[in-house]
Amino acid sequence: MNLRETIAQLQEDVLFYKQIMSPENTETGLMIGQLDLESTEAPDRIRYRLELRQLGNNENIVSGYTNVNILGSQDRQEVSMPLRSLSAEEDQLDIKLQFRYFQNIQGEIVLPEGFEPLGMQIVAVDESNDGKTIQKSFAWVVE
């Protein structure tokens, strides 16, 4: 990693902690943070790390669940595959969330033969905040 990449990563880390700990934040509750996709030596395997965090008042514990789907194409058809069908680390469609500051969901995705990933869609439900539902889509960008 060169110096510029190191500085960029450190700035990103500082922003992350400011958003978590900042008392002047007016928004509260669950937030979908960033998604990191990293290549491995095997071309059909991708490491993932999804960050979910709480904004505002960190006195409460966020509890709820999230669904993660990998969007792509297979045999010239658009498909959506749940994370649990592609990752050994997840066996539930509803991935349980329970945290005060942040929670990372991470593991390895094994892509099926002929599947071309295009993005990921995350839907999270904050049951501790009247069932507030948030959604975010990410392009498939592998580092």
N, C-alpha and C. Protein backbone atom coordinates (compact mmCIF):
# COMPACT_ATOMS: atom_id res chain seq x y z
N MET A 1 0.86 -1.17 0.00
CA MET A 1 0.00 0.00 0.00
C MET A 1 0.90 1.24 0.00
N ASN A 2 0.64 2.15 -0.92
CA ASN A 2 1.47 3.35 -0.96
C ASN A 2 0.96 4.40 0.03
N LEU A 3 1.68 5.49 0.15
CA LEU A 3 1.38 6.52 1.13
C LEU A 3 0.00 7.15 0.91
N ARG A 4 -0.36 7.41 -0.35
CA ARG A 4 -1.67 8.01 -0.64
C ARG A 4 -2.81 7.08 -0.25
N GLU A 5 -2.67 5.79 -0.53
CA GLU A 5 -3.70 4.83 -0.14
C GLU A 5 -3.82 4.75 1.38
N THR A 6 -2.69 4.81 2.07
CA THR A 6 -2.71 4.77 3.53
C THR A 6 -3.42 6.00 4.09
N ILE A 7 -3.11 7.17 3.55
CA ILE A 7 -3.76 8.41 4.01
C ILE A 7 -5.26 8.36 3.73
N ALA A 8 -5.65 7.89 2.55
CA ALA A 8 -7.07 7.80 2.20
C ALA A 8 -7.79 6.85 3.16
N GLN A 9 -7.17 5.71 3.48
CA GLN A 9 -7.78 4.76 4.41
C GLN A 9 -7.91 5.37 5.80
N LEU A 10 -6.90 6.08 6.26
CA LEU A 10 -6.95 6.71 7.58
C LEU A 10 -8.04 7.79 7.63
N GLN A 11 -8.18 8.57 6.56
CA GLN A 11 -9.24 9.59 6.51
C GLN A 11 -10.62 8.94 6.54
N GLU A 12 -10.75 7.84 5.84
CA GLU A 12 -12.02 7.10 5.84
C GLU A 12 -12.33 6.56 7.24
N ASP A 13 -11.32 6.06 7.93
CA ASP A 13 -11.50 5.56 9.29
C ASP A 13 -11.92 6.67 10.24
N VAL A 14 -11.30 7.84 10.14
CA VAL A 14 -11.65 8.98 10.99
C VAL A 14 -13.10 9.38 10.74
N LEU A 15 -13.51 9.46 9.48
CA LEU A 15 -14.90 9.81 9.15
C LEU A 15 -15.87 8.80 9.74
N PHE A 16 -15.53 7.52 9.67
CA PHE A 16 -16.37 6.47 10.23
C PHE A 16 -16.60 6.70 11.73
N TYR A 17 -15.52 6.93 12.48
CA TYR A 17 -15.66 7.12 13.92
C TYR A 17 -16.34 8.44 14.27
N LYS A 18 -16.14 9.47 13.47
CA LYS A 18 -16.85 10.74 13.70
C LYS A 18 -18.35 10.56 13.54
N GLN A 19 -18.74 9.82 12.51
CA GLN A 19 -20.16 9.60 12.28
C GLN A 19 -20.80 8.80 13.41
N ILE A 20 -20.07 7.88 13.97
CA ILE A 20 -20.60 7.08 15.07
C ILE A 20 -20.70 7.90 16.35
N MET A 21 -19.67 8.65 16.66
CA MET A 21 -19.58 9.30 17.96
C MET A 21 -20.07 10.74 17.97
N SER A 22 -20.41 11.31 16.84
CA SER A 22 -20.76 12.72 16.75
C SER A 22 -22.10 13.03 17.42
N PRO A 23 -22.11 13.85 18.49
CA PRO A 23 -23.37 14.18 19.17
C PRO A 23 -24.24 15.15 18.37
N GLU A 24 -23.66 15.86 17.41
CA GLU A 24 -24.47 16.82 16.65
C GLU A 24 -25.22 16.16 15.49
N ASN A 25 -25.06 14.86 15.33
CA ASN A 25 -25.80 14.15 14.30
C ASN A 25 -27.29 14.19 14.64
N THR A 26 -28.12 14.65 13.74
CA THR A 26 -29.56 14.71 14.00
C THR A 26 -30.25 13.41 13.64
N GLU A 27 -29.68 12.64 12.73
CA GLU A 27 -30.25 11.36 12.37
C GLU A 27 -29.88 10.34 13.42
N THR A 28 -30.78 9.40 13.66
CA THR A 28 -30.48 8.34 14.61
C THR A 28 -30.88 7.01 14.01
N GLY A 29 -30.36 5.96 14.61
CA GLY A 29 -30.74 4.62 14.19
C GLY A 29 -29.74 3.95 13.28
N LEU A 30 -30.22 2.89 12.67
CA LEU A 30 -29.41 2.03 11.83
C LEU A 30 -29.03 2.69 10.51
N MET A 31 -27.79 2.46 10.09
CA MET A 31 -27.30 2.97 8.81
C MET A 31 -26.46 1.89 8.14
N ILE A 32 -26.63 1.72 6.84
CA ILE A 32 -25.78 0.81 6.08
C ILE A 32 -24.53 1.59 5.71
N GLY A 33 -23.40 1.11 6.16
CA GLY A 33 -22.13 1.80 5.92
C GLY A 33 -21.54 1.41 4.58
N GLN A 34 -20.35 0.87 4.61
CA GLN A 34 -19.68 0.56 3.36
C GLN A 34 -19.59 -0.94 3.14
N LEU A 35 -19.37 -1.29 1.88
CA LEU A 35 -19.17 -2.67 1.48
C LEU A 35 -17.79 -2.77 0.84
N ASP A 36 -16.99 -3.72 1.31
CA ASP A 36 -15.68 -3.97 0.73
C ASP A 36 -15.69 -5.35 0.11
N LEU A 37 -15.29 -5.43 -1.15
CA LEU A 37 -15.14 -6.71 -1.86
C LEU A 37 -13.68 -6.84 -2.24
N GLU A 38 -13.09 -7.98 -1.93
CA GLU A 38 -11.67 -8.18 -2.16
C GLU A 38 -11.45 -9.51 -2.87
N SER A 39 -10.64 -9.47 -3.92
CA SER A 39 -10.37 -10.69 -4.67
C SER A 39 -9.50 -11.64 -3.85
N THR A 40 -9.56 -12.90 -4.22
CA THR A 40 -8.72 -13.93 -3.61
C THR A 40 -7.91 -14.58 -4.73
N GLU A 41 -7.13 -15.56 -4.39
CA GLU A 41 -6.35 -16.25 -5.41
C GLU A 41 -7.24 -17.06 -6.34
N ALA A 42 -8.40 -17.49 -5.85
CA ALA A 42 -9.35 -18.24 -6.68
C ALA A 42 -10.29 -17.24 -7.35
N PRO A 43 -10.43 -17.29 -8.66
CA PRO A 43 -11.25 -16.29 -9.37
C PRO A 43 -12.74 -16.35 -9.03
N ASP A 44 -13.22 -17.49 -8.52
CA ASP A 44 -14.64 -17.60 -8.19
C ASP A 44 -14.94 -17.29 -6.72
N ARG A 45 -13.93 -16.84 -5.98
CA ARG A 45 -14.12 -16.53 -4.55
C ARG A 45 -13.79 -15.06 -4.29
N ILE A 46 -14.69 -14.42 -3.56
CA ILE A 46 -14.55 -13.00 -3.23
C ILE A 46 -14.78 -12.84 -1.72
N ARG A 47 -13.86 -12.15 -1.05
CA ARG A 47 -14.08 -11.82 0.37
C ARG A 47 -14.97 -10.57 0.45
N TYR A 48 -15.87 -10.57 1.40
CA TYR A 48 -16.75 -9.42 1.58
C TYR A 48 -16.75 -8.97 3.04
N ARG A 49 -16.99 -7.68 3.22
CA ARG A 49 -17.19 -7.11 4.56
C ARG A 49 -18.20 -5.99 4.41
N LEU A 50 -19.33 -6.16 5.06
CA LEU A 50 -20.41 -5.17 5.06
C LEU A 50 -20.49 -4.57 6.45
N GLU A 51 -20.48 -3.25 6.49
CA GLU A 51 -20.51 -2.53 7.77
C GLU A 51 -21.90 -1.91 7.96
N LEU A 52 -22.49 -2.17 9.11
CA LEU A 52 -23.73 -1.52 9.52
C LEU A 52 -23.41 -0.78 10.81
N ARG A 53 -23.98 0.41 10.98
CA ARG A 53 -23.65 1.20 12.17
C ARG A 53 -24.85 1.98 12.66
N GLN A 54 -24.70 2.48 13.87
CA GLN A 54 -25.75 3.29 14.48
C GLN A 54 -25.34 4.76 14.42
N LEU A 55 -26.27 5.57 13.99
CA LEU A 55 -26.04 7.02 13.97
C LEU A 55 -26.61 7.64 15.23
N GLY A 56 -26.01 8.74 15.64
CA GLY A 56 -26.56 9.53 16.74
C GLY A 56 -26.33 8.91 18.09
N ASN A 57 -27.38 8.83 18.88
CA ASN A 57 -27.34 8.39 20.26
C ASN A 57 -26.93 6.92 20.33
N ASN A 58 -25.74 6.67 20.88
CA ASN A 58 -25.25 5.30 20.98
C ASN A 58 -25.58 4.66 22.33
N GLU A 59 -26.52 5.25 23.06
CA GLU A 59 -26.91 4.66 24.34
C GLU A 59 -27.80 3.45 24.13
N ASN A 60 -28.50 3.40 23.01
CA ASN A 60 -29.42 2.29 22.72
C ASN A 60 -28.72 1.23 21.88
N ILE A 61 -29.22 0.02 22.00
CA ILE A 61 -28.71 -1.08 21.19
C ILE A 61 -29.63 -1.23 19.99
N VAL A 62 -29.03 -1.30 18.81
CA VAL A 62 -29.78 -1.56 17.59
C VAL A 62 -30.01 -3.06 17.50
N SER A 63 -31.24 -3.45 17.24
CA SER A 63 -31.51 -4.86 16.99
C SER A 63 -32.45 -4.95 15.81
N GLY A 64 -32.25 -5.97 15.03
CA GLY A 64 -33.05 -6.18 13.83
C GLY A 64 -32.41 -7.24 12.96
N TYR A 65 -32.53 -7.05 11.66
CA TYR A 65 -31.95 -8.02 10.74
C TYR A 65 -31.69 -7.35 9.39
N THR A 66 -30.89 -8.02 8.58
CA THR A 66 -30.59 -7.54 7.24
C THR A 66 -30.66 -8.69 6.26
N ASN A 67 -31.01 -8.37 5.04
CA ASN A 67 -30.99 -9.32 3.92
C ASN A 67 -29.99 -8.80 2.90
N VAL A 68 -29.14 -9.68 2.41
CA VAL A 68 -28.14 -9.31 1.41
C VAL A 68 -28.34 -10.18 0.19
N ASN A 69 -28.48 -9.55 -0.97
CA ASN A 69 -28.64 -10.27 -2.23
C ASN A 69 -27.57 -9.84 -3.21
N ILE A 70 -27.04 -10.81 -3.94
CA ILE A 70 -26.07 -10.53 -4.99
C ILE A 70 -26.86 -10.53 -6.30
N LEU A 71 -26.76 -9.41 -7.02
CA LEU A 71 -27.47 -9.25 -8.28
C LEU A 71 -26.50 -9.53 -9.42
N GLY A 72 -27.00 -10.18 -10.46
CA GLY A 72 -26.13 -10.48 -11.59
C GLY A 72 -26.89 -11.12 -12.72
N SER A 73 -26.14 -11.74 -13.60
CA SER A 73 -26.78 -12.43 -14.72
C SER A 73 -26.20 -13.83 -14.86
N GLN A 74 -27.08 -14.73 -15.25
CA GLN A 74 -26.68 -16.10 -15.50
C GLN A 74 -27.51 -16.59 -16.68
N ASP A 75 -26.85 -17.13 -17.67
CA ASP A 75 -27.53 -17.58 -18.89
C ASP A 75 -28.37 -16.47 -19.49
N ARG A 76 -27.81 -15.25 -19.52
CA ARG A 76 -28.44 -14.06 -20.11
C ARG A 76 -29.73 -13.65 -19.41
N GLN A 77 -29.90 -14.09 -18.18
CA GLN A 77 -31.08 -13.71 -17.40
C GLN A 77 -30.63 -13.02 -16.13
N GLU A 78 -31.36 -11.97 -15.75
CA GLU A 78 -31.07 -11.29 -14.49
C GLU A 78 -31.50 -12.18 -13.34
N VAL A 79 -30.62 -12.32 -12.35
CA VAL A 79 -30.93 -13.13 -11.18
C VAL A 79 -30.51 -12.39 -9.92
N SER A 80 -31.16 -12.75 -8.83
CA SER A 80 -30.83 -12.23 -7.51
C SER A 80 -30.63 -13.44 -6.60
N MET A 81 -29.44 -13.55 -6.03
CA MET A 81 -29.13 -14.70 -5.17
C MET A 81 -28.90 -14.22 -3.74
N PRO A 82 -29.56 -14.84 -2.77
CA PRO A 82 -29.32 -14.45 -1.37
C PRO A 82 -27.91 -14.85 -0.94
N LEU A 83 -27.35 -14.05 -0.07
CA LEU A 83 -26.00 -14.29 0.42
C LEU A 83 -25.86 -15.69 1.01
N ARG A 84 -26.89 -16.17 1.68
CA ARG A 84 -26.80 -17.49 2.32
C ARG A 84 -26.55 -18.62 1.32
N SER A 85 -26.95 -18.43 0.05
CA SER A 85 -26.72 -19.49 -0.93
C SER A 85 -25.32 -19.44 -1.54
N LEU A 86 -24.57 -18.36 -1.26
CA LEU A 86 -23.23 -18.21 -1.84
C LEU A 86 -22.12 -18.14 -0.81
N SER A 87 -22.47 -18.07 0.47
CA SER A 87 -21.47 -17.91 1.52
C SER A 87 -21.69 -18.94 2.63
N ALA A 88 -20.63 -19.65 2.97
CA ALA A 88 -20.72 -20.64 4.05
C ALA A 88 -20.90 -19.99 5.41
N GLU A 89 -20.52 -18.70 5.53
CA GLU A 89 -20.61 -18.02 6.83
C GLU A 89 -22.05 -17.65 7.20
N GLU A 90 -22.93 -17.58 6.22
CA GLU A 90 -24.32 -17.20 6.49
C GLU A 90 -25.26 -18.33 6.11
N ASP A 91 -26.11 -18.73 7.05
CA ASP A 91 -27.07 -19.79 6.73
C ASP A 91 -28.52 -19.33 6.87
N GLN A 92 -28.72 -18.07 7.21
CA GLN A 92 -30.07 -17.53 7.36
C GLN A 92 -30.32 -16.45 6.32
N LEU A 93 -31.55 -16.34 5.86
CA LEU A 93 -31.93 -15.26 4.96
C LEU A 93 -31.90 -13.94 5.73
N ASP A 94 -32.44 -13.95 6.96
CA ASP A 94 -32.43 -12.77 7.82
C ASP A 94 -31.20 -12.85 8.73
N ILE A 95 -30.21 -12.02 8.45
CA ILE A 95 -28.98 -12.00 9.25
C ILE A 95 -29.23 -11.11 10.46
N LYS A 96 -29.10 -11.67 11.64
CA LYS A 96 -29.42 -10.97 12.89
C LYS A 96 -28.45 -9.82 13.14
N LEU A 97 -29.01 -8.70 13.56
CA LEU A 97 -28.22 -7.52 13.94
C LEU A 97 -28.47 -7.23 15.40
N GLN A 98 -27.42 -6.96 16.14
CA GLN A 98 -27.53 -6.50 17.51
C GLN A 98 -26.20 -5.87 17.90
N PHE A 99 -26.21 -4.55 18.05
CA PHE A 99 -24.98 -3.83 18.33
C PHE A 99 -25.29 -2.44 18.90
N ARG A 100 -24.28 -1.84 19.51
CA ARG A 100 -24.40 -0.48 20.02
C ARG A 100 -23.76 0.52 19.05
N TYR A 101 -22.61 0.23 18.53
CA TYR A 101 -21.88 1.16 17.66
C TYR A 101 -21.90 0.70 16.20
N PHE A 102 -21.41 -0.51 15.94
CA PHE A 102 -21.40 -1.03 14.58
C PHE A 102 -21.30 -2.55 14.60
N GLN A 103 -21.61 -3.15 13.46
CA GLN A 103 -21.49 -4.59 13.29
C GLN A 103 -21.00 -4.85 11.87
N ASN A 104 -20.03 -5.73 11.74
CA ASN A 104 -19.54 -6.14 10.43
C ASN A 104 -20.07 -7.53 10.11
N ILE A 105 -20.48 -7.71 8.89
CA ILE A 105 -20.87 -9.01 8.37
C ILE A 105 -19.81 -9.34 7.32
N GLN A 106 -19.11 -10.44 7.52
CA GLN A 106 -18.00 -10.72 6.62
C GLN A 106 -17.86 -12.21 6.37
N GLY A 107 -17.20 -12.49 5.26
CA GLY A 107 -16.98 -13.88 4.89
C GLY A 107 -16.48 -13.96 3.47
N GLU A 108 -16.78 -15.07 2.84
CA GLU A 108 -16.33 -15.31 1.48
C GLU A 108 -17.49 -15.77 0.62
N ILE A 109 -17.61 -15.19 -0.55
CA ILE A 109 -18.64 -15.55 -1.52
C ILE A 109 -18.00 -16.49 -2.54
N VAL A 110 -18.71 -17.58 -2.84
CA VAL A 110 -18.28 -18.50 -3.89
C VAL A 110 -19.26 -18.32 -5.04
N LEU A 111 -18.78 -17.79 -6.15
CA LEU A 111 -19.64 -17.52 -7.30
C LEU A 111 -19.88 -18.79 -8.10
N PRO A 112 -21.15 -19.08 -8.44
CA PRO A 112 -21.43 -20.27 -9.24
C PRO A 112 -20.91 -20.10 -10.67
N GLU A 113 -20.64 -21.20 -11.31
CA GLU A 113 -20.13 -21.17 -12.68
C GLU A 113 -21.15 -20.50 -13.60
N GLY A 114 -20.66 -19.58 -14.42
CA GLY A 114 -21.53 -18.89 -15.37
C GLY A 114 -22.26 -17.69 -14.80
N PHE A 115 -22.09 -17.41 -13.51
CA PHE A 115 -22.76 -16.27 -12.88
C PHE A 115 -21.85 -15.06 -12.96
N GLU A 116 -22.39 -13.95 -13.46
CA GLU A 116 -21.63 -12.71 -13.53
C GLU A 116 -22.24 -11.69 -12.58
N PRO A 117 -21.57 -11.40 -11.46
CA PRO A 117 -22.14 -10.46 -10.48
C PRO A 117 -22.08 -9.03 -10.99
N LEU A 118 -23.14 -8.27 -10.68
CA LEU A 118 -23.20 -6.87 -11.09
C LEU A 118 -23.31 -5.93 -9.89
N GLY A 119 -23.82 -6.44 -8.76
CA GLY A 119 -23.98 -5.58 -7.61
C GLY A 119 -24.53 -6.34 -6.42
N MET A 120 -24.69 -5.61 -5.33
CA MET A 120 -25.30 -6.18 -4.12
C MET A 120 -26.38 -5.23 -3.63
N GLN A 121 -27.45 -5.81 -3.13
CA GLN A 121 -28.55 -5.03 -2.58
C GLN A 121 -28.72 -5.44 -1.12
N ILE A 122 -28.74 -4.43 -0.25
CA ILE A 122 -28.86 -4.68 1.18
C ILE A 122 -30.14 -4.01 1.67
N VAL A 123 -30.95 -4.77 2.40
CA VAL A 123 -32.15 -4.24 3.05
C VAL A 123 -31.99 -4.57 4.53
N ALA A 124 -32.11 -3.55 5.38
CA ALA A 124 -31.95 -3.75 6.81
C ALA A 124 -33.18 -3.21 7.54
N VAL A 125 -33.60 -3.93 8.56
CA VAL A 125 -34.75 -3.54 9.36
C VAL A 125 -34.29 -3.30 10.79
N ASP A 126 -34.56 -2.10 11.28
CA ASP A 126 -34.21 -1.70 12.64
C ASP A 126 -35.44 -1.91 13.51
N GLU A 127 -35.55 -3.09 14.13
CA GLU A 127 -36.72 -3.40 14.96
C GLU A 127 -36.75 -2.58 16.24
N SER A 128 -35.61 -2.02 16.64
CA SER A 128 -35.57 -1.19 17.84
C SER A 128 -36.02 0.24 17.55
N ASN A 129 -36.32 0.54 16.29
CA ASN A 129 -36.74 1.88 15.88
C ASN A 129 -38.02 1.78 15.06
N ASP A 130 -39.06 1.19 15.64
CA ASP A 130 -40.38 1.05 15.01
C ASP A 130 -40.33 0.33 13.67
N GLY A 131 -39.41 -0.60 13.49
CA GLY A 131 -39.34 -1.37 12.26
C GLY A 131 -38.87 -0.59 11.06
N LYS A 132 -38.12 0.49 11.30
CA LYS A 132 -37.60 1.31 10.20
C LYS A 132 -36.79 0.44 9.24
N THR A 133 -37.11 0.56 7.95
CA THR A 133 -36.42 -0.22 6.92
C THR A 133 -35.58 0.71 6.07
N ILE A 134 -34.32 0.31 5.86
CA ILE A 134 -33.43 1.07 4.97
C ILE A 134 -32.90 0.13 3.91
N GLN A 135 -32.50 0.72 2.80
CA GLN A 135 -32.05 -0.07 1.67
C GLN A 135 -30.89 0.65 0.98
N LYS A 136 -29.94 -0.13 0.49
CA LYS A 136 -28.82 0.47 -0.24
C LYS A 136 -28.30 -0.55 -1.25
N SER A 137 -27.96 -0.06 -2.43
CA SER A 137 -27.38 -0.90 -3.47
C SER A 137 -25.94 -0.49 -3.72
N PHE A 138 -25.11 -1.48 -4.00
CA PHE A 138 -23.70 -1.24 -4.29
C PHE A 138 -23.38 -1.87 -5.64
N ALA A 139 -22.54 -1.21 -6.41
CA ALA A 139 -22.01 -1.80 -7.63
C ALA A 139 -21.00 -2.86 -7.25
N TRP A 140 -20.79 -3.83 -8.10
CA TRP A 140 -19.84 -4.90 -7.84
C TRP A 140 -18.45 -4.41 -8.21
N VAL A 141 -17.72 -3.89 -7.23
CA VAL A 141 -16.37 -3.38 -7.44
C VAL A 141 -15.44 -4.15 -6.51
N VAL A 142 -14.59 -4.96 -7.13
CA VAL A 142 -13.68 -5.82 -6.37
C VAL A 142 -12.28 -5.20 -6.38
N GLU A 143 -11.71 -5.07 -5.19
CA GLU A 143 -10.36 -4.50 -5.05
C GLU A 143 -9.30 -5.56 -5.26
